[in-house]
Amino acid sequence: MKKPHPCGGKAFEILRVGMDFKIRCLTCGREVMAPRGKIEKNIKKLLEQD
């Protein structure tokens, strides 16, 4: 995301995709739901995880 999470983390894991995205901060583990348009606009880059 362009802006970091309030805990200072900058990496998020995508848990669910639909009309809303559910993402989890990889630093503190907090889960957040946000509208699809907001997430798509604020994504900086995607990292693939195996």
C-alpha atoms as a PDB file:
ATOM      1  CA  MET A   1       0.000   0.000   0.000  1.00  0.00           C
ATOM      2  CA  LYS A   2       1.116   3.570  -0.497  1.00  0.00           C
ATOM      3  CA  LYS A   3       0.673   4.484   3.163  1.00  0.00           C
ATOM      4  CA  PRO A   4       1.927   2.228   5.978  1.00  0.00           C
ATOM      5  CA  HIS A   5      -0.385   0.723   8.579  1.00  0.00           C
ATOM      6  CA  PRO A   6      -0.483   2.694  11.891  1.00  0.00           C
ATOM      7  CA  CYS A   7       1.737   0.003  13.485  1.00  0.00           C
ATOM      8  CA  GLY A   8       4.448   0.854  10.933  1.00  0.00           C
ATOM      9  CA  GLY A   9       4.033  -2.229   8.738  1.00  0.00           C
ATOM     10  CA  LYS A  10       4.064  -1.816   4.973  1.00  0.00           C
ATOM     11  CA  ALA A  11       3.326  -5.393   3.870  1.00  0.00           C
ATOM     12  CA  PHE A  12      -0.148  -6.909   3.743  1.00  0.00           C
ATOM     13  CA  GLU A  13      -1.504 -10.360   2.913  1.00  0.00           C
ATOM     14  CA  ILE A  14      -4.679 -10.532   0.818  1.00  0.00           C
ATOM     15  CA  LEU A  15      -7.163 -12.887   2.477  1.00  0.00           C
ATOM     16  CA  ARG A  16     -10.319 -12.351   0.411  1.00  0.00           C
ATOM     17  CA  VAL A  17     -11.169 -10.693  -2.880  1.00  0.00           C
ATOM     18  CA  GLY A  18     -14.637  -9.619  -3.991  1.00  0.00           C
ATOM     19  CA  MET A  19     -16.530  -6.336  -3.751  1.00  0.00           C
ATOM     20  CA  ASP A  20     -14.360  -5.756  -0.675  1.00  0.00           C
ATOM     21  CA  PHE A  21     -10.789  -6.822  -0.025  1.00  0.00           C
ATOM     22  CA  LYS A  22      -9.840  -8.351   3.305  1.00  0.00           C
ATOM     23  CA  ILE A  23      -6.161  -7.768   4.056  1.00  0.00           C
ATOM     24  CA  ARG A  24      -3.947  -8.627   7.040  1.00  0.00           C
ATOM     25  CA  CYS A  25      -1.004  -6.539   8.203  1.00  0.00           C
ATOM     26  CA  LEU A  26       2.050  -8.818   8.331  1.00  0.00           C
ATOM     27  CA  THR A  27       3.596  -6.815  11.197  1.00  0.00           C
ATOM     28  CA  CYS A  28       0.800  -6.767  13.795  1.00  0.00           C
ATOM     29  CA  GLY A  29      -1.697  -9.263  12.315  1.00  0.00           C
ATOM     30  CA  ARG A  30      -4.683  -6.892  12.285  1.00  0.00           C
ATOM     31  CA  GLU A  31      -7.275  -7.637   9.603  1.00  0.00           C
ATOM     32  CA  VAL A  32      -8.934  -4.824   7.657  1.00  0.00           C
ATOM     33  CA  MET A  33     -11.748  -4.834   5.118  1.00  0.00           C
ATOM     34  CA  ALA A  34     -11.760  -2.068   2.512  1.00  0.00           C
ATOM     35  CA  PRO A  35     -13.662  -1.409  -0.718  1.00  0.00           C
ATOM     36  CA  ARG A  36     -12.143  -2.829  -3.891  1.00  0.00           C
ATOM     37  CA  GLY A  37     -11.643   0.582  -5.533  1.00  0.00           C
ATOM     38  CA  LYS A  38      -9.651   1.953  -2.600  1.00  0.00           C
ATOM     39  CA  ILE A  39      -7.344  -1.078  -2.429  1.00  0.00           C
ATOM     40  CA  GLU A  40      -6.746  -1.185  -6.193  1.00  0.00           C
ATOM     41  CA  LYS A  41      -5.917   2.520  -6.211  1.00  0.00           C
ATOM     42  CA  ASN A  42      -3.471   2.296  -3.281  1.00  0.00           C
ATOM     43  CA  ILE A  43      -1.545  -0.884  -4.159  1.00  0.00           C
ATOM     44  CA  LYS A  44       2.093  -0.039  -4.725  1.00  0.00           C
ATOM     45  CA  LYS A  45       3.356  -3.463  -5.854  1.00  0.00           C
ATOM     46  CA  LEU A  46       2.448  -7.138  -5.546  1.00  0.00           C
ATOM     47  CA  LEU A  47       4.791  -9.708  -4.050  1.00  0.00           C
ATOM     48  CA  GLU A  48       4.144 -13.369  -4.768  1.00  0.00           C
ATOM     49  CA  GLN A  49       4.343 -15.798  -1.887  1.00  0.00           C
ATOM     50  CA  ASP A  50       4.814 -19.566  -2.277  1.00  0.00           C
END
